[in-house]
Amino acid sequence: MNIGDYIEAIDDTIRGHVIRLTAREVTMLTEEGFELTLGRDEVIVLKEELPHNVFTAIDEESLQKDSIVKKKRPVALSKKDKLIPPMEVDLHIEKLVNNPRHMTNYEMLTLQIETARRQLEFAIAQRRQRVVFIHGVGEGVLRIELETLLGRYNNITFYDAEYAKYGIGATEVYIYQNAKE
């Protein structure tokens, strides 16, 4: 094992590059940007950087990977903004494909996240102020992946959508139009 090697924790899906070595420990810089020290017997060296989530297919230039936006409270909207309805994107798999039975869970999730990314990029390009992603309740996997995607953008804020209209299965995104790129 050498400094710069791409490694993964054996008991977790944490990957990163070796930045320090001692006789017993390895310190890695994780893909999320954190330093983590593990025992040498707790990691394995990977031959190449392997994809580990649905975001490997996303155009990284369009995302601001270094800035992570935490979930915030809803933005106070002006009266004018309240009159303009948000763009709604239904991410239920039945709305995206005619017959999802032939798809694996991974393929369905990837399609849903890619649809969300494309629709968000479209909304940003069209200077839409608000987008509501309807993801449903379920086990929360889609919601978590959606929040991970949204957290990569530095010009947006996201929060739970209006409960009276969407219930708890929707996330609203507010896009800051004057954000410097």
N, C-alpha and C. Protein backbone atom coordinates (compact mmCIF):
# COMPACT_ATOMS: atom_id res chain seq x y z
N MET A 1 0.85 -1.17 0.00
CA MET A 1 0.00 0.00 0.00
C MET A 1 0.89 1.23 0.00
N ASN A 2 0.52 2.23 -0.84
CA ASN A 2 1.31 3.45 -0.97
C ASN A 2 0.42 4.67 -0.87
N ILE A 3 1.02 5.81 -0.61
CA ILE A 3 0.28 7.07 -0.60
C ILE A 3 -0.25 7.31 -2.00
N GLY A 4 -1.53 7.68 -2.08
CA GLY A 4 -2.18 7.92 -3.36
C GLY A 4 -3.01 6.75 -3.85
N ASP A 5 -2.81 5.55 -3.26
CA ASP A 5 -3.60 4.38 -3.67
C ASP A 5 -5.07 4.62 -3.37
N TYR A 6 -5.92 4.05 -4.19
CA TYR A 6 -7.37 4.13 -4.02
C TYR A 6 -7.78 2.92 -3.18
N ILE A 7 -8.40 3.17 -2.01
CA ILE A 7 -8.73 2.09 -1.07
C ILE A 7 -10.19 2.15 -0.67
N GLU A 8 -10.64 1.04 -0.07
CA GLU A 8 -12.00 0.96 0.44
C GLU A 8 -11.98 0.26 1.79
N ALA A 9 -12.83 0.74 2.71
CA ALA A 9 -12.97 0.09 4.01
C ALA A 9 -13.65 -1.26 3.79
N ILE A 10 -13.19 -2.28 4.48
CA ILE A 10 -13.73 -3.62 4.30
C ILE A 10 -15.16 -3.71 4.80
N ASP A 11 -15.45 -3.12 5.96
CA ASP A 11 -16.76 -3.26 6.58
C ASP A 11 -17.75 -2.16 6.21
N ASP A 12 -17.39 -1.29 5.28
CA ASP A 12 -18.27 -0.18 4.91
C ASP A 12 -18.01 0.19 3.46
N THR A 13 -18.83 1.04 2.91
CA THR A 13 -18.64 1.47 1.52
C THR A 13 -17.96 2.83 1.48
N ILE A 14 -16.95 2.99 2.28
CA ILE A 14 -16.18 4.23 2.31
C ILE A 14 -14.94 4.02 1.45
N ARG A 15 -14.77 4.92 0.48
CA ARG A 15 -13.64 4.84 -0.43
C ARG A 15 -12.89 6.16 -0.43
N GLY A 16 -11.62 6.09 -0.76
CA GLY A 16 -10.83 7.31 -0.84
C GLY A 16 -9.40 7.00 -1.18
N HIS A 17 -8.56 8.02 -1.10
CA HIS A 17 -7.15 7.90 -1.43
C HIS A 17 -6.31 7.99 -0.17
N VAL A 18 -5.25 7.18 -0.12
CA VAL A 18 -4.33 7.16 1.02
C VAL A 18 -3.57 8.48 1.04
N ILE A 19 -3.57 9.14 2.23
CA ILE A 19 -2.80 10.38 2.36
C ILE A 19 -1.69 10.27 3.41
N ARG A 20 -1.80 9.27 4.34
CA ARG A 20 -0.76 9.02 5.34
C ARG A 20 -0.72 7.54 5.68
N LEU A 21 0.48 7.06 5.95
CA LEU A 21 0.67 5.66 6.34
C LEU A 21 1.54 5.59 7.58
N THR A 22 1.18 4.70 8.50
CA THR A 22 2.04 4.35 9.62
C THR A 22 2.14 2.83 9.62
N ALA A 23 2.85 2.30 10.58
CA ALA A 23 3.02 0.85 10.63
C ALA A 23 1.70 0.11 10.82
N ARG A 24 0.77 0.72 11.55
CA ARG A 24 -0.50 0.06 11.84
C ARG A 24 -1.73 0.72 11.24
N GLU A 25 -1.62 1.99 10.85
CA GLU A 25 -2.80 2.73 10.43
C GLU A 25 -2.64 3.35 9.04
N VAL A 26 -3.79 3.58 8.43
CA VAL A 26 -3.87 4.23 7.13
C VAL A 26 -4.84 5.40 7.28
N THR A 27 -4.44 6.57 6.81
CA THR A 27 -5.34 7.72 6.80
C THR A 27 -5.71 7.99 5.35
N MET A 28 -7.03 8.03 5.12
CA MET A 28 -7.51 8.27 3.76
C MET A 28 -8.30 9.56 3.71
N LEU A 29 -8.30 10.17 2.52
CA LEU A 29 -9.17 11.28 2.24
C LEU A 29 -10.34 10.68 1.49
N THR A 30 -11.52 10.65 2.14
CA THR A 30 -12.67 9.99 1.54
C THR A 30 -13.19 10.78 0.35
N GLU A 31 -14.04 10.14 -0.45
CA GLU A 31 -14.63 10.80 -1.61
C GLU A 31 -15.49 11.99 -1.19
N GLU A 32 -15.95 11.99 0.05
CA GLU A 32 -16.76 13.08 0.56
C GLU A 32 -15.91 14.21 1.11
N GLY A 33 -14.58 14.03 1.15
CA GLY A 33 -13.68 15.08 1.58
C GLY A 33 -13.28 15.04 3.04
N PHE A 34 -13.52 13.92 3.73
CA PHE A 34 -13.17 13.80 5.13
C PHE A 34 -11.92 12.94 5.28
N GLU A 35 -11.12 13.25 6.30
CA GLU A 35 -9.98 12.39 6.63
C GLU A 35 -10.47 11.31 7.59
N LEU A 36 -10.07 10.06 7.33
CA LEU A 36 -10.51 8.94 8.14
C LEU A 36 -9.30 8.03 8.35
N THR A 37 -9.06 7.67 9.61
CA THR A 37 -7.95 6.79 9.93
C THR A 37 -8.49 5.42 10.31
N LEU A 38 -7.96 4.39 9.66
CA LEU A 38 -8.38 3.01 9.90
C LEU A 38 -7.12 2.16 10.06
N GLY A 39 -7.30 0.97 10.62
CA GLY A 39 -6.21 0.02 10.69
C GLY A 39 -5.88 -0.52 9.31
N ARG A 40 -4.61 -0.90 9.11
CA ARG A 40 -4.21 -1.42 7.79
C ARG A 40 -5.00 -2.67 7.42
N ASP A 41 -5.43 -3.43 8.43
CA ASP A 41 -6.20 -4.65 8.16
C ASP A 41 -7.68 -4.36 7.92
N GLU A 42 -8.10 -3.10 7.99
CA GLU A 42 -9.50 -2.73 7.79
C GLU A 42 -9.77 -2.18 6.40
N VAL A 43 -8.75 -2.13 5.55
CA VAL A 43 -8.93 -1.57 4.20
C VAL A 43 -8.33 -2.51 3.16
N ILE A 44 -8.81 -2.34 1.93
CA ILE A 44 -8.22 -3.06 0.80
C ILE A 44 -7.90 -2.05 -0.29
N VAL A 45 -6.88 -2.35 -1.07
CA VAL A 45 -6.50 -1.49 -2.19
C VAL A 45 -7.33 -1.90 -3.40
N LEU A 46 -7.91 -0.92 -4.06
CA LEU A 46 -8.68 -1.15 -5.28
C LEU A 46 -7.80 -0.82 -6.48
N LYS A 47 -7.97 -1.57 -7.55
CA LYS A 47 -7.14 -1.36 -8.73
C LYS A 47 -7.49 -0.07 -9.45
N GLU A 48 -8.76 0.32 -9.42
CA GLU A 48 -9.20 1.55 -10.08
C GLU A 48 -10.38 2.11 -9.34
N GLU A 49 -10.70 3.35 -9.62
CA GLU A 49 -11.85 3.97 -8.97
C GLU A 49 -13.12 3.41 -9.57
N LEU A 50 -13.81 2.57 -8.79
CA LEU A 50 -15.03 1.91 -9.25
C LEU A 50 -16.25 2.72 -8.86
N PRO A 51 -17.27 2.74 -9.69
CA PRO A 51 -18.49 3.46 -9.31
C PRO A 51 -19.16 2.77 -8.13
N HIS A 52 -19.68 3.56 -7.20
CA HIS A 52 -20.36 2.98 -6.04
C HIS A 52 -21.75 3.54 -5.82
N ASN A 53 -22.16 4.48 -6.64
CA ASN A 53 -23.53 4.97 -6.49
C ASN A 53 -24.07 5.46 -7.82
N VAL A 54 -25.29 5.91 -7.83
CA VAL A 54 -25.95 6.28 -9.07
C VAL A 54 -25.40 7.56 -9.68
N PHE A 55 -24.56 8.29 -8.98
CA PHE A 55 -24.11 9.57 -9.50
C PHE A 55 -22.90 9.47 -10.41
N THR A 56 -22.40 8.28 -10.66
CA THR A 56 -21.23 8.17 -11.53
C THR A 56 -21.55 8.56 -12.96
N ALA A 57 -22.81 8.44 -13.36
CA ALA A 57 -23.18 8.79 -14.73
C ALA A 57 -23.53 10.26 -14.88
N ILE A 58 -23.57 11.00 -13.80
CA ILE A 58 -23.96 12.39 -13.86
C ILE A 58 -22.79 13.23 -14.34
N ASP A 59 -23.07 14.18 -15.18
CA ASP A 59 -22.07 15.11 -15.69
C ASP A 59 -21.57 15.95 -14.52
N GLU A 60 -20.36 15.68 -14.06
CA GLU A 60 -19.83 16.34 -12.88
C GLU A 60 -19.61 17.84 -13.09
N GLU A 61 -19.43 18.27 -14.35
CA GLU A 61 -19.23 19.70 -14.58
C GLU A 61 -20.48 20.49 -14.22
N SER A 62 -21.64 19.88 -14.34
CA SER A 62 -22.87 20.60 -14.05
C SER A 62 -23.17 20.64 -12.56
N LEU A 63 -22.44 19.87 -11.78
CA LEU A 63 -22.67 19.84 -10.35
C LEU A 63 -21.55 20.55 -9.61
N GLN A 64 -21.87 21.15 -8.53
CA GLN A 64 -20.87 21.78 -7.69
C GLN A 64 -20.58 20.81 -6.56
N LYS A 65 -19.65 19.88 -6.78
CA LYS A 65 -19.39 18.78 -5.87
C LYS A 65 -18.85 19.25 -4.52
N ASP A 66 -18.08 20.33 -4.52
CA ASP A 66 -17.42 20.76 -3.30
C ASP A 66 -18.35 21.46 -2.32
N SER A 67 -19.44 22.04 -2.80
CA SER A 67 -20.33 22.76 -1.90
C SER A 67 -21.55 21.90 -1.62
N ILE A 68 -21.80 21.69 -0.34
CA ILE A 68 -22.94 20.88 0.07
C ILE A 68 -23.92 21.79 0.79
N VAL A 69 -25.16 21.78 0.34
CA VAL A 69 -26.19 22.61 0.93
C VAL A 69 -27.00 21.74 1.89
N LYS A 70 -27.07 22.17 3.12
CA LYS A 70 -27.85 21.43 4.11
C LYS A 70 -29.33 21.76 3.91
N LYS A 71 -30.17 20.87 4.41
CA LYS A 71 -31.60 21.09 4.34
C LYS A 71 -31.92 22.34 5.15
N LYS A 72 -32.68 23.25 4.57
CA LYS A 72 -32.99 24.50 5.24
C LYS A 72 -34.49 24.66 5.34
N ARG A 73 -34.86 25.65 6.13
CA ARG A 73 -36.27 25.98 6.24
C ARG A 73 -36.74 26.62 4.94
N PRO A 74 -38.03 26.56 4.67
CA PRO A 74 -38.54 27.17 3.44
C PRO A 74 -38.16 28.64 3.32
N VAL A 75 -37.89 29.07 2.11
CA VAL A 75 -37.56 30.45 1.82
C VAL A 75 -38.86 31.26 1.82
N ALA A 76 -38.81 32.43 2.41
CA ALA A 76 -39.99 33.29 2.40
C ALA A 76 -40.19 33.82 0.98
N LEU A 77 -41.30 33.45 0.37
CA LEU A 77 -41.56 33.83 -1.00
C LEU A 77 -42.35 35.14 -1.06
N SER A 78 -42.05 35.93 -2.07
CA SER A 78 -42.81 37.16 -2.26
C SER A 78 -44.21 36.81 -2.77
N LYS A 79 -45.11 37.78 -2.76
CA LYS A 79 -46.47 37.53 -3.23
C LYS A 79 -46.47 37.12 -4.70
N LYS A 80 -45.59 37.74 -5.47
CA LYS A 80 -45.48 37.42 -6.89
C LYS A 80 -45.05 35.96 -7.08
N ASP A 81 -44.04 35.52 -6.32
CA ASP A 81 -43.55 34.15 -6.43
C ASP A 81 -44.59 33.13 -6.00
N LYS A 82 -45.42 33.51 -5.03
CA LYS A 82 -46.46 32.59 -4.57
C LYS A 82 -47.52 32.35 -5.63
N LEU A 83 -47.72 33.33 -6.50
CA LEU A 83 -48.73 33.21 -7.54
C LEU A 83 -48.27 32.29 -8.67
N ILE A 84 -46.97 32.20 -8.88
CA ILE A 84 -46.44 31.34 -9.93
C ILE A 84 -46.33 29.93 -9.38
N PRO A 85 -47.06 28.98 -9.95
CA PRO A 85 -47.00 27.62 -9.41
C PRO A 85 -45.64 26.98 -9.69
N PRO A 86 -45.18 26.12 -8.79
CA PRO A 86 -43.90 25.47 -9.02
C PRO A 86 -44.01 24.43 -10.12
N MET A 87 -42.89 24.14 -10.76
CA MET A 87 -42.81 23.05 -11.72
C MET A 87 -42.89 21.75 -10.92
N GLU A 88 -43.75 20.82 -11.31
CA GLU A 88 -43.89 19.56 -10.58
C GLU A 88 -43.29 18.42 -11.38
N VAL A 89 -42.49 17.61 -10.72
CA VAL A 89 -41.86 16.45 -11.36
C VAL A 89 -42.22 15.23 -10.53
N ASP A 90 -43.01 14.33 -11.11
CA ASP A 90 -43.40 13.10 -10.42
C ASP A 90 -42.36 12.03 -10.72
N LEU A 91 -41.67 11.57 -9.68
CA LEU A 91 -40.60 10.58 -9.85
C LEU A 91 -41.06 9.15 -9.61
N HIS A 92 -42.35 8.93 -9.45
CA HIS A 92 -42.83 7.56 -9.32
C HIS A 92 -42.48 6.80 -10.59
N ILE A 93 -41.95 5.61 -10.45
CA ILE A 93 -41.45 4.84 -11.60
C ILE A 93 -42.54 4.57 -12.62
N GLU A 94 -43.77 4.42 -12.17
CA GLU A 94 -44.88 4.16 -13.09
C GLU A 94 -45.13 5.34 -14.02
N LYS A 95 -44.74 6.54 -13.59
CA LYS A 95 -44.90 7.74 -14.41
C LYS A 95 -43.77 7.89 -15.42
N LEU A 96 -42.66 7.19 -15.18
CA LEU A 96 -41.49 7.35 -16.04
C LEU A 96 -41.37 6.28 -17.13
N VAL A 97 -41.85 5.07 -16.85
CA VAL A 97 -41.78 3.99 -17.84
C VAL A 97 -43.13 3.27 -17.88
N ASN A 98 -43.41 2.66 -19.02
CA ASN A 98 -44.68 1.95 -19.16
C ASN A 98 -44.72 0.67 -18.33
N ASN A 99 -43.62 -0.09 -18.35
CA ASN A 99 -43.61 -1.38 -17.67
C ASN A 99 -42.30 -1.52 -16.87
N PRO A 100 -42.32 -1.20 -15.58
CA PRO A 100 -41.10 -1.27 -14.78
C PRO A 100 -40.75 -2.68 -14.29
N ARG A 101 -41.56 -3.68 -14.64
CA ARG A 101 -41.33 -5.03 -14.11
C ARG A 101 -40.00 -5.64 -14.56
N HIS A 102 -39.52 -5.25 -15.74
CA HIS A 102 -38.27 -5.81 -16.25
C HIS A 102 -37.03 -5.10 -15.70
N MET A 103 -37.22 -4.08 -14.86
CA MET A 103 -36.10 -3.28 -14.34
C MET A 103 -35.71 -3.73 -12.93
N THR A 104 -34.41 -3.65 -12.65
CA THR A 104 -33.95 -3.92 -11.29
C THR A 104 -34.18 -2.66 -10.45
N ASN A 105 -34.08 -2.81 -9.14
CA ASN A 105 -34.23 -1.65 -8.26
C ASN A 105 -33.18 -0.59 -8.56
N TYR A 106 -31.96 -1.02 -8.84
CA TYR A 106 -30.88 -0.09 -9.17
C TYR A 106 -31.20 0.69 -10.44
N GLU A 107 -31.71 0.01 -11.45
CA GLU A 107 -32.06 0.68 -12.71
C GLU A 107 -33.19 1.68 -12.50
N MET A 108 -34.18 1.31 -11.69
CA MET A 108 -35.28 2.22 -11.41
C MET A 108 -34.79 3.47 -10.68
N LEU A 109 -33.96 3.26 -9.65
CA LEU A 109 -33.44 4.39 -8.88
C LEU A 109 -32.57 5.28 -9.75
N THR A 110 -31.75 4.68 -10.58
CA THR A 110 -30.89 5.46 -11.48
C THR A 110 -31.73 6.29 -12.43
N LEU A 111 -32.77 5.72 -13.00
CA LEU A 111 -33.66 6.45 -13.90
C LEU A 111 -34.34 7.61 -13.17
N GLN A 112 -34.80 7.36 -11.96
CA GLN A 112 -35.47 8.40 -11.20
C GLN A 112 -34.53 9.55 -10.87
N ILE A 113 -33.31 9.25 -10.45
CA ILE A 113 -32.34 10.29 -10.11
C ILE A 113 -31.90 11.06 -11.35
N GLU A 114 -31.68 10.35 -12.45
CA GLU A 114 -31.30 11.02 -13.70
C GLU A 114 -32.43 11.93 -14.19
N THR A 115 -33.68 11.48 -14.05
CA THR A 115 -34.83 12.31 -14.42
C THR A 115 -34.85 13.57 -13.55
N ALA A 116 -34.63 13.41 -12.26
CA ALA A 116 -34.61 14.56 -11.35
C ALA A 116 -33.50 15.53 -11.74
N ARG A 117 -32.32 15.02 -12.05
CA ARG A 117 -31.20 15.88 -12.44
C ARG A 117 -31.52 16.64 -13.72
N ARG A 118 -32.05 15.93 -14.74
CA ARG A 118 -32.37 16.58 -16.01
C ARG A 118 -33.44 17.65 -15.82
N GLN A 119 -34.46 17.35 -15.03
CA GLN A 119 -35.53 18.32 -14.81
C GLN A 119 -35.04 19.53 -14.02
N LEU A 120 -34.15 19.30 -13.07
CA LEU A 120 -33.58 20.41 -12.30
C LEU A 120 -32.72 21.28 -13.21
N GLU A 121 -31.90 20.68 -14.04
CA GLU A 121 -31.08 21.43 -14.99
C GLU A 121 -31.97 22.23 -15.94
N PHE A 122 -33.07 21.63 -16.39
CA PHE A 122 -34.02 22.32 -17.26
C PHE A 122 -34.62 23.53 -16.53
N ALA A 123 -35.03 23.34 -15.29
CA ALA A 123 -35.62 24.43 -14.51
C ALA A 123 -34.62 25.57 -14.31
N ILE A 124 -33.36 25.22 -14.05
CA ILE A 124 -32.33 26.25 -13.89
C ILE A 124 -32.13 27.00 -15.21
N ALA A 125 -32.07 26.27 -16.32
CA ALA A 125 -31.88 26.89 -17.63
C ALA A 125 -33.07 27.78 -18.00
N GLN A 126 -34.26 27.39 -17.62
CA GLN A 126 -35.48 28.15 -17.93
C GLN A 126 -35.77 29.22 -16.87
N ARG A 127 -34.89 29.34 -15.90
CA ARG A 127 -35.01 30.32 -14.82
C ARG A 127 -36.31 30.15 -14.03
N ARG A 128 -36.70 28.92 -13.82
CA ARG A 128 -37.85 28.62 -12.96
C ARG A 128 -37.39 28.78 -11.52
N GLN A 129 -38.24 29.35 -10.69
CA GLN A 129 -37.87 29.64 -9.31
C GLN A 129 -38.03 28.42 -8.39
N ARG A 130 -39.09 27.62 -8.63
CA ARG A 130 -39.38 26.52 -7.72
C ARG A 130 -39.70 25.25 -8.51
N VAL A 131 -39.26 24.12 -7.94
CA VAL A 131 -39.55 22.80 -8.51
C VAL A 131 -39.96 21.91 -7.34
N VAL A 132 -41.01 21.12 -7.55
CA VAL A 132 -41.43 20.15 -6.54
C VAL A 132 -41.20 18.76 -7.12
N PHE A 133 -40.38 17.97 -6.42
CA PHE A 133 -40.13 16.58 -6.80
C PHE A 133 -41.03 15.70 -5.94
N ILE A 134 -41.93 14.98 -6.59
CA ILE A 134 -42.84 14.08 -5.88
C ILE A 134 -42.20 12.69 -5.89
N HIS A 135 -41.75 12.24 -4.73
CA HIS A 135 -41.03 10.97 -4.65
C HIS A 135 -41.78 9.90 -3.87
N GLY A 136 -42.81 10.27 -3.17
CA GLY A 136 -43.55 9.30 -2.38
C GLY A 136 -42.87 9.03 -1.05
N VAL A 137 -43.49 8.19 -0.24
CA VAL A 137 -42.95 7.91 1.09
C VAL A 137 -42.05 6.68 1.04
N GLY A 138 -42.59 5.51 0.79
CA GLY A 138 -41.80 4.28 0.67
C GLY A 138 -40.81 4.08 1.79
N GLU A 139 -39.64 3.52 1.45
CA GLU A 139 -38.60 3.28 2.44
C GLU A 139 -37.64 4.46 2.57
N GLY A 140 -37.77 5.45 1.70
CA GLY A 140 -36.95 6.66 1.80
C GLY A 140 -35.68 6.64 1.01
N VAL A 141 -35.43 5.58 0.23
CA VAL A 141 -34.18 5.49 -0.53
C VAL A 141 -34.13 6.58 -1.60
N LEU A 142 -35.21 6.75 -2.35
CA LEU A 142 -35.25 7.78 -3.39
C LEU A 142 -35.09 9.16 -2.78
N ARG A 143 -35.74 9.39 -1.66
CA ARG A 143 -35.63 10.70 -1.01
C ARG A 143 -34.19 10.99 -0.61
N ILE A 144 -33.51 10.03 -0.04
CA ILE A 144 -32.12 10.22 0.38
C ILE A 144 -31.23 10.48 -0.82
N GLU A 145 -31.39 9.71 -1.89
CA GLU A 145 -30.58 9.92 -3.10
C GLU A 145 -30.89 11.27 -3.73
N LEU A 146 -32.15 11.68 -3.70
CA LEU A 146 -32.54 12.98 -4.24
C LEU A 146 -31.89 14.10 -3.43
N GLU A 147 -31.90 13.98 -2.11
CA GLU A 147 -31.27 14.99 -1.26
C GLU A 147 -29.77 15.03 -1.49
N THR A 148 -29.15 13.88 -1.75
CA THR A 148 -27.72 13.85 -2.06
C THR A 148 -27.46 14.60 -3.37
N LEU A 149 -28.29 14.36 -4.37
CA LEU A 149 -28.16 15.08 -5.64
C LEU A 149 -28.33 16.58 -5.43
N LEU A 150 -29.37 16.97 -4.74
CA LEU A 150 -29.65 18.38 -4.53
C LEU A 150 -28.56 19.06 -3.72
N GLY A 151 -27.97 18.32 -2.81
CA GLY A 151 -26.90 18.87 -1.98
C GLY A 151 -25.65 19.23 -2.75
N ARG A 152 -25.53 18.77 -3.98
CA ARG A 152 -24.36 19.07 -4.80
C ARG A 152 -24.47 20.39 -5.54
N TYR A 153 -25.61 21.01 -5.49
CA TYR A 153 -25.81 22.30 -6.15
C TYR A 153 -25.65 23.42 -5.14
N ASN A 154 -24.94 24.49 -5.53
CA ASN A 154 -24.73 25.58 -4.57
C ASN A 154 -25.72 26.72 -4.75
N ASN A 155 -26.58 26.66 -5.75
CA ASN A 155 -27.51 27.76 -5.99
C ASN A 155 -28.96 27.38 -5.67
N ILE A 156 -29.15 26.37 -4.84
CA ILE A 156 -30.51 25.95 -4.49
C ILE A 156 -30.64 25.70 -3.00
N THR A 157 -31.88 25.73 -2.55
CA THR A 157 -32.26 25.32 -1.21
C THR A 157 -33.40 24.34 -1.38
N PHE A 158 -33.44 23.30 -0.55
CA PHE A 158 -34.54 22.35 -0.66
C PHE A 158 -35.10 22.05 0.71
N TYR A 159 -36.36 21.72 0.72
CA TYR A 159 -37.09 21.49 1.96
C TYR A 159 -38.35 20.68 1.64
N ASP A 160 -39.04 20.21 2.67
CA ASP A 160 -40.28 19.46 2.46
C ASP A 160 -41.31 20.36 1.78
N ALA A 161 -41.98 19.82 0.79
CA ALA A 161 -43.00 20.58 0.07
C ALA A 161 -44.22 20.77 0.96
N GLU A 162 -45.13 21.61 0.51
CA GLU A 162 -46.33 21.94 1.25
C GLU A 162 -47.11 20.67 1.60
N TYR A 163 -47.26 20.42 2.88
CA TYR A 163 -47.89 19.20 3.36
C TYR A 163 -49.35 19.08 2.91
N ALA A 164 -50.08 20.18 2.96
CA ALA A 164 -51.51 20.14 2.61
C ALA A 164 -51.73 19.68 1.17
N LYS A 165 -50.81 20.02 0.29
CA LYS A 165 -50.98 19.68 -1.12
C LYS A 165 -50.31 18.36 -1.49
N TYR A 166 -49.10 18.09 -0.96
CA TYR A 166 -48.31 16.95 -1.40
C TYR A 166 -48.15 15.85 -0.35
N GLY A 167 -48.54 16.11 0.89
CA GLY A 167 -48.28 15.14 1.94
C GLY A 167 -46.80 15.15 2.30
N ILE A 168 -46.29 14.04 2.82
CA ILE A 168 -44.88 14.01 3.22
C ILE A 168 -43.98 13.40 2.15
N GLY A 169 -44.52 13.11 0.99
CA GLY A 169 -43.75 12.46 -0.06
C GLY A 169 -43.26 13.38 -1.16
N ALA A 170 -42.91 14.63 -0.81
CA ALA A 170 -42.44 15.55 -1.84
C ALA A 170 -41.40 16.50 -1.26
N THR A 171 -40.48 16.93 -2.12
CA THR A 171 -39.43 17.87 -1.74
C THR A 171 -39.51 19.06 -2.68
N GLU A 172 -39.52 20.26 -2.12
CA GLU A 172 -39.55 21.47 -2.94
C GLU A 172 -38.15 22.06 -3.01
N VAL A 173 -37.78 22.53 -4.20
CA VAL A 173 -36.48 23.13 -4.44
C VAL A 173 -36.69 24.58 -4.80
N TYR A 174 -35.96 25.47 -4.14
CA TYR A 174 -35.98 26.89 -4.47
C TYR A 174 -34.66 27.20 -5.15
N ILE A 175 -34.73 27.76 -6.36
CA ILE A 175 -33.53 28.05 -7.14
C ILE A 175 -33.23 29.53 -7.07
N TYR A 176 -32.05 29.85 -6.56
CA TYR A 176 -31.62 31.25 -6.49
C TYR A 176 -31.19 31.68 -7.88
N GLN A 177 -31.87 32.67 -8.44
CA GLN A 177 -31.61 33.07 -9.82
C GLN A 177 -30.39 33.96 -9.97
N ASN A 178 -29.99 34.65 -8.94
CA ASN A 178 -28.87 35.56 -9.05
C ASN A 178 -27.58 34.96 -8.52
N ALA A 179 -27.54 33.65 -8.37
CA ALA A 179 -26.33 33.00 -7.87
C ALA A 179 -25.23 33.13 -8.89
N LYS A 180 -24.03 33.45 -8.41
CA LYS A 180 -22.88 33.57 -9.30
C LYS A 180 -22.34 32.18 -9.62
N GLU A 181 -22.09 31.93 -10.87
CA GLU A 181 -21.63 30.60 -11.28
C GLU A 181 -20.15 30.58 -11.50
